[in-house]
Amino acid sequence: MQPLPLYRKKIITVSDPAKKELVQGLLARHNIEYRMRAKEILQKNPVDTARVGTLGMNQTKITYSFYVDKADVEAAKSLLRSGSL
């Protein structure tokens, strides 16, 4: 995975696909250019041991991080606050 340029800053990370869509819509409607990064996180079952086994109980969760130009950070955060995020 390549690093994002230094002139971008993370404004929010969400794990709910509906919130991801809301963030994308808010930024797009206000013409704020953004980049999104998706990351898979494996959530292990607390009783996952060699003796018990997972029995399919482990879950994969995806988080979405949004990055905007540093010049747009305050405007983007204000939009997110007004959008109840």
C-alpha atoms as a PDB file:
ATOM      1  CA  MET A   1       0.000   0.000   0.000  1.00  0.00           C
ATOM      2  CA  GLN A   2       1.480   3.352  -1.001  1.00  0.00           C
ATOM      3  CA  PRO A   3       1.531   6.197   1.533  1.00  0.00           C
ATOM      4  CA  LEU A   4      -0.719   9.158   0.885  1.00  0.00           C
ATOM      5  CA  PRO A   5       0.945  12.463  -0.012  1.00  0.00           C
ATOM      6  CA  LEU A   6       1.943  14.706   2.889  1.00  0.00           C
ATOM      7  CA  TYR A   7      -0.544  17.392   1.871  1.00  0.00           C
ATOM      8  CA  ARG A   8      -3.525  15.174   2.803  1.00  0.00           C
ATOM      9  CA  LYS A   9      -4.912  14.702   6.294  1.00  0.00           C
ATOM     10  CA  LYS A  10      -7.243  12.069   7.717  1.00  0.00           C
ATOM     11  CA  ILE A  11     -10.576  13.571   8.739  1.00  0.00           C
ATOM     12  CA  ILE A  12     -12.620  10.532   9.781  1.00  0.00           C
ATOM     13  CA  THR A  13     -12.623   6.730   9.959  1.00  0.00           C
ATOM     14  CA  VAL A  14     -15.911   4.821   9.866  1.00  0.00           C
ATOM     15  CA  SER A  15     -16.801   1.136   9.798  1.00  0.00           C
ATOM     16  CA  ASP A  16     -20.476   1.355   8.882  1.00  0.00           C
ATOM     17  CA  PRO A  17     -21.098   1.215   5.097  1.00  0.00           C
ATOM     18  CA  ALA A  18     -24.062   3.609   5.461  1.00  0.00           C
ATOM     19  CA  LYS A  19     -21.837   6.196   7.182  1.00  0.00           C
ATOM     20  CA  LYS A  20     -19.231   5.695   4.461  1.00  0.00           C
ATOM     21  CA  GLU A  21     -21.862   6.561   1.855  1.00  0.00           C
ATOM     22  CA  LEU A  22     -22.942   9.604   3.874  1.00  0.00           C
ATOM     23  CA  VAL A  23     -19.380  10.925   4.128  1.00  0.00           C
ATOM     24  CA  GLN A  24     -18.793  10.373   0.407  1.00  0.00           C
ATOM     25  CA  GLY A  25     -22.024  12.192  -0.440  1.00  0.00           C
ATOM     26  CA  LEU A  26     -21.294  15.168   1.814  1.00  0.00           C
ATOM     27  CA  LEU A  27     -17.796  15.656   0.448  1.00  0.00           C
ATOM     28  CA  ALA A  28     -18.863  15.203  -3.181  1.00  0.00           C
ATOM     29  CA  ARG A  29     -21.823  17.606  -2.894  1.00  0.00           C
ATOM     30  CA  HIS A  30     -19.519  20.312  -1.565  1.00  0.00           C
ATOM     31  CA  ASN A  31     -16.808  19.642  -4.162  1.00  0.00           C
ATOM     32  CA  ILE A  32     -14.213  18.596  -1.606  1.00  0.00           C
ATOM     33  CA  GLU A  33     -11.725  16.231  -3.199  1.00  0.00           C
ATOM     34  CA  TYR A  34     -11.011  13.197  -1.024  1.00  0.00           C
ATOM     35  CA  ARG A  35      -9.276   9.859  -0.996  1.00  0.00           C
ATOM     36  CA  MET A  36     -10.653   6.855   0.824  1.00  0.00           C
ATOM     37  CA  ARG A  37      -8.726   3.899   2.158  1.00  0.00           C
ATOM     38  CA  ALA A  38     -10.393   0.639   3.131  1.00  0.00           C
ATOM     39  CA  LYS A  39      -8.726  -1.658   5.627  1.00  0.00           C
ATOM     40  CA  GLU A  40      -9.808  -5.150   6.681  1.00  0.00           C
ATOM     41  CA  ILE A  41      -9.608  -5.975  10.363  1.00  0.00           C
ATOM     42  CA  LEU A  42     -10.039  -9.535  11.583  1.00  0.00           C
ATOM     43  CA  GLN A  43     -12.095  -9.663  14.764  1.00  0.00           C
ATOM     44  CA  LYS A  44     -11.247 -12.860  16.597  1.00  0.00           C
ATOM     45  CA  ASN A  45     -13.586 -14.782  18.799  1.00  0.00           C
ATOM     46  CA  PRO A  46     -12.443 -14.437  22.455  1.00  0.00           C
ATOM     47  CA  VAL A  47     -12.675 -18.219  22.964  1.00  0.00           C
ATOM     48  CA  ASP A  48     -10.605 -18.915  19.848  1.00  0.00           C
ATOM     49  CA  THR A  49      -8.046 -21.479  20.986  1.00  0.00           C
ATOM     50  CA  ALA A  50      -6.376 -24.453  19.394  1.00  0.00           C
ATOM     51  CA  ARG A  51      -8.542 -26.803  21.450  1.00  0.00           C
ATOM     52  CA  VAL A  52     -11.906 -25.164  20.760  1.00  0.00           C
ATOM     53  CA  GLY A  53     -11.320 -23.932  17.214  1.00  0.00           C
ATOM     54  CA  THR A  54     -13.041 -20.988  15.615  1.00  0.00           C
ATOM     55  CA  LEU A  55     -16.088 -22.751  14.230  1.00  0.00           C
ATOM     56  CA  GLY A  56     -16.497 -19.839  11.834  1.00  0.00           C
ATOM     57  CA  MET A  57     -16.868 -17.300  14.624  1.00  0.00           C
ATOM     58  CA  ASN A  58     -14.142 -14.899  13.456  1.00  0.00           C
ATOM     59  CA  GLN A  59     -15.436 -11.892  11.540  1.00  0.00           C
ATOM     60  CA  THR A  60     -13.832  -9.514   9.089  1.00  0.00           C
ATOM     61  CA  LYS A  61     -14.604  -5.849   9.630  1.00  0.00           C
ATOM     62  CA  ILE A  62     -13.794  -3.127   7.104  1.00  0.00           C
ATOM     63  CA  THR A  63     -12.889   0.395   8.170  1.00  0.00           C
ATOM     64  CA  TYR A  64     -12.916   3.339   5.780  1.00  0.00           C
ATOM     65  CA  SER A  65     -10.574   6.283   6.343  1.00  0.00           C
ATOM     66  CA  PHE A  66     -11.134   9.553   4.492  1.00  0.00           C
ATOM     67  CA  TYR A  67      -8.330  11.958   3.611  1.00  0.00           C
ATOM     68  CA  VAL A  68      -8.644  15.500   2.230  1.00  0.00           C
ATOM     69  CA  ASP A  69      -6.201  18.230   1.241  1.00  0.00           C
ATOM     70  CA  LYS A  70      -4.901  20.110   4.286  1.00  0.00           C
ATOM     71  CA  ALA A  71      -6.519  23.292   2.937  1.00  0.00           C
ATOM     72  CA  ASP A  72      -9.954  21.596   3.087  1.00  0.00           C
ATOM     73  CA  VAL A  73      -9.682  19.994   6.538  1.00  0.00           C
ATOM     74  CA  GLU A  74     -11.715  22.572   8.479  1.00  0.00           C
ATOM     75  CA  ALA A  75     -14.465  22.765   5.851  1.00  0.00           C
ATOM     76  CA  ALA A  76     -14.711  18.966   5.696  1.00  0.00           C
ATOM     77  CA  LYS A  77     -14.835  18.576   9.483  1.00  0.00           C
ATOM     78  CA  SER A  78     -17.524  21.250   9.686  1.00  0.00           C
ATOM     79  CA  LEU A  79     -19.598  19.366   7.086  1.00  0.00           C
ATOM     80  CA  LEU A  80     -19.196  16.135   9.026  1.00  0.00           C
ATOM     81  CA  ARG A  81     -20.328  17.814  12.258  1.00  0.00           C
ATOM     82  CA  SER A  82     -23.374  19.281  10.518  1.00  0.00           C
ATOM     83  CA  GLY A  83     -24.101  15.868   8.985  1.00  0.00           C
ATOM     84  CA  SER A  84     -24.184  14.342  12.503  1.00  0.00           C
ATOM     85  CA  LEU A  85     -21.051  12.237  12.150  1.00  0.00           C
END
